[in-house]
Amino acid sequence: MPPAKVKMTITVDLQVAEYLEGLHRKLVQRMLEERRRPPSFSQFMNDWLSRHISEEMERVD
């Protein structure tokens, strides 16, 4: 069964937003240097949240 897609808005502190934007900028820069297409910020956040939530769920089990 394919994963459900839900659109949501998350409010975070300015420091968290700056941290995540910095991670995305570094990824974009690295991928452009490698001549690869970088993800949009939305796709980056989706991948980042999925990875970290999965890790947390495994840790809790």
PDB file of N, CA and C in Angstrom:
ATOM      1  N   MET A   1       0.846  -1.175   0.000  1.00  0.00           N
ATOM      2  CA  MET A   1       0.000   0.000   0.000  1.00  0.00           C
ATOM      3  C   MET A   1       0.896   1.244   0.000  1.00  0.00           C
ATOM      4  N   PRO A   2       0.679   2.174  -0.931  1.00  0.00           N
ATOM      5  CA  PRO A   2       1.517   3.376  -0.965  1.00  0.00           C
ATOM      6  C   PRO A   2       1.265   4.252   0.257  1.00  0.00           C
ATOM      7  N   PRO A   3       2.278   5.002   0.650  1.00  0.00           N
ATOM      8  CA  PRO A   3       2.092   5.864   1.820  1.00  0.00           C
ATOM      9  C   PRO A   3       1.066   6.957   1.541  1.00  0.00           C
ATOM     10  N   ALA A   4       0.322   7.309   2.563  1.00  0.00           N
ATOM     11  CA  ALA A   4      -0.641   8.403   2.435  1.00  0.00           C
ATOM     12  C   ALA A   4       0.118   9.721   2.379  1.00  0.00           C
ATOM     13  N   LYS A   5      -0.417  10.645   1.641  1.00  0.00           N
ATOM     14  CA  LYS A   5       0.205  11.966   1.566  1.00  0.00           C
ATOM     15  C   LYS A   5      -0.701  12.957   2.276  1.00  0.00           C
ATOM     16  N   VAL A   6      -0.097  13.679   3.200  1.00  0.00           N
ATOM     17  CA  VAL A   6      -0.826  14.670   3.970  1.00  0.00           C
ATOM     18  C   VAL A   6      -0.040  15.969   3.921  1.00  0.00           C
ATOM     19  N   LYS A   7      -0.711  17.045   3.616  1.00  0.00           N
ATOM     20  CA  LYS A   7      -0.048  18.349   3.621  1.00  0.00           C
ATOM     21  C   LYS A   7      -0.209  18.946   5.009  1.00  0.00           C
ATOM     22  N   MET A   8       0.911  19.411   5.579  1.00  0.00           N
ATOM     23  CA  MET A   8       0.828  20.030   6.893  1.00  0.00           C
ATOM     24  C   MET A   8       1.804  21.188   6.982  1.00  0.00           C
ATOM     25  N   THR A   9       1.521  22.068   7.897  1.00  0.00           N
ATOM     26  CA  THR A   9       2.398  23.194   8.176  1.00  0.00           C
ATOM     27  C   THR A   9       2.953  23.009   9.574  1.00  0.00           C
ATOM     28  N   ILE A  10       4.257  23.175   9.710  1.00  0.00           N
ATOM     29  CA  ILE A  10       4.912  23.017  11.005  1.00  0.00           C
ATOM     30  C   ILE A  10       5.537  24.359  11.375  1.00  0.00           C
ATOM     31  N   THR A  11       5.259  24.807  12.578  1.00  0.00           N
ATOM     32  CA  THR A  11       5.854  26.045  13.075  1.00  0.00           C
ATOM     33  C   THR A  11       7.023  25.687  13.978  1.00  0.00           C
ATOM     34  N   VAL A  12       8.181  26.280  13.702  1.00  0.00           N
ATOM     35  CA  VAL A  12       9.382  26.000  14.493  1.00  0.00           C
ATOM     36  C   VAL A  12      10.027  27.314  14.919  1.00  0.00           C
ATOM     37  N   ASP A  13      10.907  27.225  15.903  1.00  0.00           N
ATOM     38  CA  ASP A  13      11.675  28.391  16.334  1.00  0.00           C
ATOM     39  C   ASP A  13      12.569  28.863  15.193  1.00  0.00           C
ATOM     40  N   LEU A  14      12.951  30.120  15.243  1.00  0.00           N
ATOM     41  CA  LEU A  14      13.816  30.692  14.214  1.00  0.00           C
ATOM     42  C   LEU A  14      15.132  29.928  14.103  1.00  0.00           C
ATOM     43  N   GLN A  15      15.709  29.529  15.228  1.00  0.00           N
ATOM     44  CA  GLN A  15      16.980  28.795  15.200  1.00  0.00           C
ATOM     45  C   GLN A  15      16.826  27.456  14.483  1.00  0.00           C
ATOM     46  N   VAL A  16      15.708  26.789  14.697  1.00  0.00           N
ATOM     47  CA  VAL A  16      15.461  25.509  14.027  1.00  0.00           C
ATOM     48  C   VAL A  16      15.305  25.743  12.526  1.00  0.00           C
ATOM     49  N   ALA A  17      14.552  26.763  12.156  1.00  0.00           N
ATOM     50  CA  ALA A  17      14.359  27.074  10.737  1.00  0.00           C
ATOM     51  C   ALA A  17      15.694  27.392  10.061  1.00  0.00           C
ATOM     52  N   GLU A  18      16.521  28.182  10.728  1.00  0.00           N
ATOM     53  CA  GLU A  18      17.828  28.522  10.165  1.00  0.00           C
ATOM     54  C   GLU A  18      18.709  27.289  10.035  1.00  0.00           C
ATOM     55  N   TYR A  19      18.648  26.399  11.007  1.00  0.00           N
ATOM     56  CA  TYR A  19      19.428  25.159  10.962  1.00  0.00           C
ATOM     57  C   TYR A  19      19.001  24.311   9.759  1.00  0.00           C
ATOM     58  N   LEU A  20      17.689  24.123   9.595  1.00  0.00           N
ATOM     59  CA  LEU A  20      17.188  23.300   8.491  1.00  0.00           C
ATOM     60  C   LEU A  20      17.487  23.946   7.138  1.00  0.00           C
ATOM     61  N   GLU A  21      17.345  25.254   7.044  1.00  0.00           N
ATOM     62  CA  GLU A  21      17.684  25.947   5.797  1.00  0.00           C
ATOM     63  C   GLU A  21      19.170  25.797   5.480  1.00  0.00           C
ATOM     64  N   GLY A  22      20.003  25.845   6.523  1.00  0.00           N
ATOM     65  CA  GLY A  22      21.442  25.656   6.328  1.00  0.00           C
ATOM     66  C   GLY A  22      21.770  24.262   5.820  1.00  0.00           C
ATOM     67  N   LEU A  23      21.113  23.251   6.392  1.00  0.00           N
ATOM     68  CA  LEU A  23      21.321  21.878   5.913  1.00  0.00           C
ATOM     69  C   LEU A  23      20.933  21.762   4.445  1.00  0.00           C
ATOM     70  N   HIS A  24      19.801  22.368   4.080  1.00  0.00           N
ATOM     71  CA  HIS A  24      19.340  22.306   2.696  1.00  0.00           C
ATOM     72  C   HIS A  24      20.321  23.022   1.769  1.00  0.00           C
ATOM     73  N   ARG A  25      20.792  24.207   2.168  1.00  0.00           N
ATOM     74  CA  ARG A  25      21.760  24.951   1.342  1.00  0.00           C
ATOM     75  C   ARG A  25      23.023  24.134   1.100  1.00  0.00           C
ATOM     76  N   LYS A  26      23.531  23.478   2.157  1.00  0.00           N
ATOM     77  CA  LYS A  26      24.744  22.658   2.011  1.00  0.00           C
ATOM     78  C   LYS A  26      24.505  21.500   1.049  1.00  0.00           C
ATOM     79  N   LEU A  27      23.345  20.866   1.163  1.00  0.00           N
ATOM     80  CA  LEU A  27      23.008  19.760   0.269  1.00  0.00           C
ATOM     81  C   LEU A  27      22.909  20.249  -1.171  1.00  0.00           C
ATOM     82  N   VAL A  28      22.225  21.370  -1.370  1.00  0.00           N
ATOM     83  CA  VAL A  28      22.084  21.930  -2.721  1.00  0.00           C
ATOM     84  C   VAL A  28      23.455  22.241  -3.307  1.00  0.00           C
ATOM     85  N   GLN A  29      24.315  22.884  -2.526  1.00  0.00           N
ATOM     86  CA  GLN A  29      25.653  23.233  -3.013  1.00  0.00           C
ATOM     87  C   GLN A  29      26.432  21.980  -3.407  1.00  0.00           C
ATOM     88  N   ARG A  30      26.390  20.959  -2.547  1.00  0.00           N
ATOM     89  CA  ARG A  30      27.119  19.722  -2.833  1.00  0.00           C
ATOM     90  C   ARG A  30      26.582  19.050  -4.096  1.00  0.00           C
ATOM     91  N   MET A  31      25.254  19.000  -4.229  1.00  0.00           N
ATOM     92  CA  MET A  31      24.677  18.331  -5.394  1.00  0.00           C
ATOM     93  C   MET A  31      24.960  19.104  -6.683  1.00  0.00           C
ATOM     94  N   LEU A  32      24.938  20.429  -6.612  1.00  0.00           N
ATOM     95  CA  LEU A  32      25.263  21.219  -7.807  1.00  0.00           C
ATOM     96  C   LEU A  32      26.714  21.015  -8.219  1.00  0.00           C
ATOM     97  N   GLU A  33      27.608  20.926  -7.234  1.00  0.00           N
ATOM     98  CA  GLU A  33      29.015  20.659  -7.539  1.00  0.00           C
ATOM     99  C   GLU A  33      29.179  19.300  -8.205  1.00  0.00           C
ATOM    100  N   GLU A  34      28.321  18.345  -7.831  1.00  0.00           N
ATOM    101  CA  GLU A  34      28.361  17.006  -8.424  1.00  0.00           C
ATOM    102  C   GLU A  34      27.527  16.927  -9.700  1.00  0.00           C
ATOM    103  N   ARG A  35      26.993  18.081 -10.120  1.00  0.00           N
ATOM    104  CA  ARG A  35      26.150  18.178 -11.315  1.00  0.00           C
ATOM    105  C   ARG A  35      24.916  17.285 -11.229  1.00  0.00           C
ATOM    106  N   ARG A  36      24.348  17.238 -10.026  1.00  0.00           N
ATOM    107  CA  ARG A  36      23.097  16.503  -9.818  1.00  0.00           C
ATOM    108  C   ARG A  36      22.006  17.500  -9.467  1.00  0.00           C
ATOM    109  N   ARG A  37      20.776  17.115  -9.724  1.00  0.00           N
ATOM    110  CA  ARG A  37      19.645  18.001  -9.444  1.00  0.00           C
ATOM    111  C   ARG A  37      19.306  17.953  -7.955  1.00  0.00           C
ATOM    112  N   PRO A  38      19.384  19.084  -7.271  1.00  0.00           N
ATOM    113  CA  PRO A  38      19.083  19.089  -5.840  1.00  0.00           C
ATOM    114  C   PRO A  38      17.576  19.039  -5.587  1.00  0.00           C
ATOM    115  N   PRO A  39      17.190  18.540  -4.415  1.00  0.00           N
ATOM    116  CA  PRO A  39      15.768  18.496  -4.084  1.00  0.00           C
ATOM    117  C   PRO A  39      15.254  19.888  -3.721  1.00  0.00           C
ATOM    118  N   SER A  40      13.968  20.073  -3.902  1.00  0.00           N
ATOM    119  CA  SER A  40      13.355  21.308  -3.412  1.00  0.00           C
ATOM    120  C   SER A  40      13.408  21.282  -1.889  1.00  0.00           C
ATOM    121  N   PHE A  41      13.183  22.425  -1.265  1.00  0.00           N
ATOM    122  CA  PHE A  41      13.187  22.463   0.197  1.00  0.00           C
ATOM    123  C   PHE A  41      12.087  21.557   0.739  1.00  0.00           C
ATOM    124  N   SER A  42      10.951  21.534   0.070  1.00  0.00           N
ATOM    125  CA  SER A  42       9.836  20.684   0.492  1.00  0.00           C
ATOM    126  C   SER A  42      10.227  19.205   0.460  1.00  0.00           C
ATOM    127  N   GLN A  43      10.868  18.775  -0.613  1.00  0.00           N
ATOM    128  CA  GLN A  43      11.299  17.378  -0.719  1.00  0.00           C
ATOM    129  C   GLN A  43      12.382  17.071   0.304  1.00  0.00           C
ATOM    130  N   PHE A  44      13.297  18.007   0.507  1.00  0.00           N
ATOM    131  CA  PHE A  44      14.339  17.840   1.520  1.00  0.00           C
ATOM    132  C   PHE A  44      13.709  17.630   2.895  1.00  0.00           C
ATOM    133  N   MET A  45      12.727  18.476   3.231  1.00  0.00           N
ATOM    134  CA  MET A  45      12.075  18.364   4.545  1.00  0.00           C
ATOM    135  C   MET A  45      11.321  17.043   4.666  1.00  0.00           C
ATOM    136  N   ASN A  46      10.660  16.622   3.613  1.00  0.00           N
ATOM    137  CA  ASN A  46       9.944  15.349   3.635  1.00  0.00           C
ATOM    138  C   ASN A  46      10.910  14.202   3.906  1.00  0.00           C
ATOM    139  N   ASP A  47      12.026  14.173   3.187  1.00  0.00           N
ATOM    140  CA  ASP A  47      13.024  13.118   3.382  1.00  0.00           C
ATOM    141  C   ASP A  47      13.637  13.186   4.777  1.00  0.00           C
ATOM    142  N   TRP A  48      13.972  14.396   5.220  1.00  0.00           N
ATOM    143  CA  TRP A  48      14.612  14.586   6.529  1.00  0.00           C
ATOM    144  C   TRP A  48      13.683  14.140   7.653  1.00  0.00           C
ATOM    145  N   LEU A  49      12.422  14.585   7.598  1.00  0.00           N
ATOM    146  CA  LEU A  49      11.465  14.194   8.639  1.00  0.00           C
ATOM    147  C   LEU A  49      11.200  12.692   8.615  1.00  0.00           C
ATOM    148  N   SER A  50      11.034  12.127   7.435  1.00  0.00           N
ATOM    149  CA  SER A  50      10.792  10.681   7.329  1.00  0.00           C
ATOM    150  C   SER A  50      11.933   9.888   7.944  1.00  0.00           C
ATOM    151  N   ARG A  51      13.159  10.281   7.630  1.00  0.00           N
ATOM    152  CA  ARG A  51      14.330   9.580   8.155  1.00  0.00           C
ATOM    153  C   ARG A  51      14.396   9.693   9.678  1.00  0.00           C
ATOM    154  N   HIS A  52      14.227  10.895  10.204  1.00  0.00           N
ATOM    155  CA  HIS A  52      14.355  11.092  11.648  1.00  0.00           C
ATOM    156  C   HIS A  52      13.186  10.484  12.426  1.00  0.00           C
ATOM    157  N   ILE A  53      12.003  10.525  11.874  1.00  0.00           N
ATOM    158  CA  ILE A  53      10.858   9.900  12.546  1.00  0.00           C
ATOM    159  C   ILE A  53      11.020   8.388  12.543  1.00  0.00           C
ATOM    160  N   SER A  54      11.479   7.817  11.428  1.00  0.00           N
ATOM    161  CA  SER A  54      11.702   6.365  11.368  1.00  0.00           C
ATOM    162  C   SER A  54      12.747   5.936  12.389  1.00  0.00           C
ATOM    163  N   GLU A  55      13.831   6.712  12.493  1.00  0.00           N
ATOM    164  CA  GLU A  55      14.876   6.395  13.476  1.00  0.00           C
ATOM    165  C   GLU A  55      14.316   6.449  14.894  1.00  0.00           C
ATOM    166  N   GLU A  56      13.495   7.438  15.175  1.00  0.00           N
ATOM    167  CA  GLU A  56      12.911   7.583  16.509  1.00  0.00           C
ATOM    168  C   GLU A  56      11.952   6.429  16.808  1.00  0.00           C
ATOM    169  N   MET A  57      11.174   6.031  15.814  1.00  0.00           N
ATOM    170  CA  MET A  57      10.235   4.920  16.012  1.00  0.00           C
ATOM    171  C   MET A  57      10.988   3.620  16.282  1.00  0.00           C
ATOM    172  N   GLU A  58      12.102   3.400  15.574  1.00  0.00           N
ATOM    173  CA  GLU A  58      12.911   2.200  15.807  1.00  0.00           C
ATOM    174  C   GLU A  58      13.533   2.227  17.196  1.00  0.00           C
ATOM    175  N   ARG A  59      13.974   3.404  17.614  1.00  0.00           N
ATOM    176  CA  ARG A  59      14.601   3.547  18.922  1.00  0.00           C
ATOM    177  C   ARG A  59      13.600   3.262  20.041  1.00  0.00           C
ATOM    178  N   VAL A  60      12.365   3.672  19.867  1.00  0.00           N
ATOM    179  CA  VAL A  60      11.330   3.500  20.886  1.00  0.00           C
ATOM    180  C   VAL A  60      10.889   2.043  20.983  1.00  0.00           C
ATOM    181  N   ASP A  61      10.877   1.331  19.866  1.00  0.00           N
ATOM    182  CA  ASP A  61      10.418  -0.084  19.869  1.00  0.00           C
ATOM    183  C   ASP A  61      11.297  -0.978  20.682  1.00  0.00           C
TER     184      ASP A  61
END
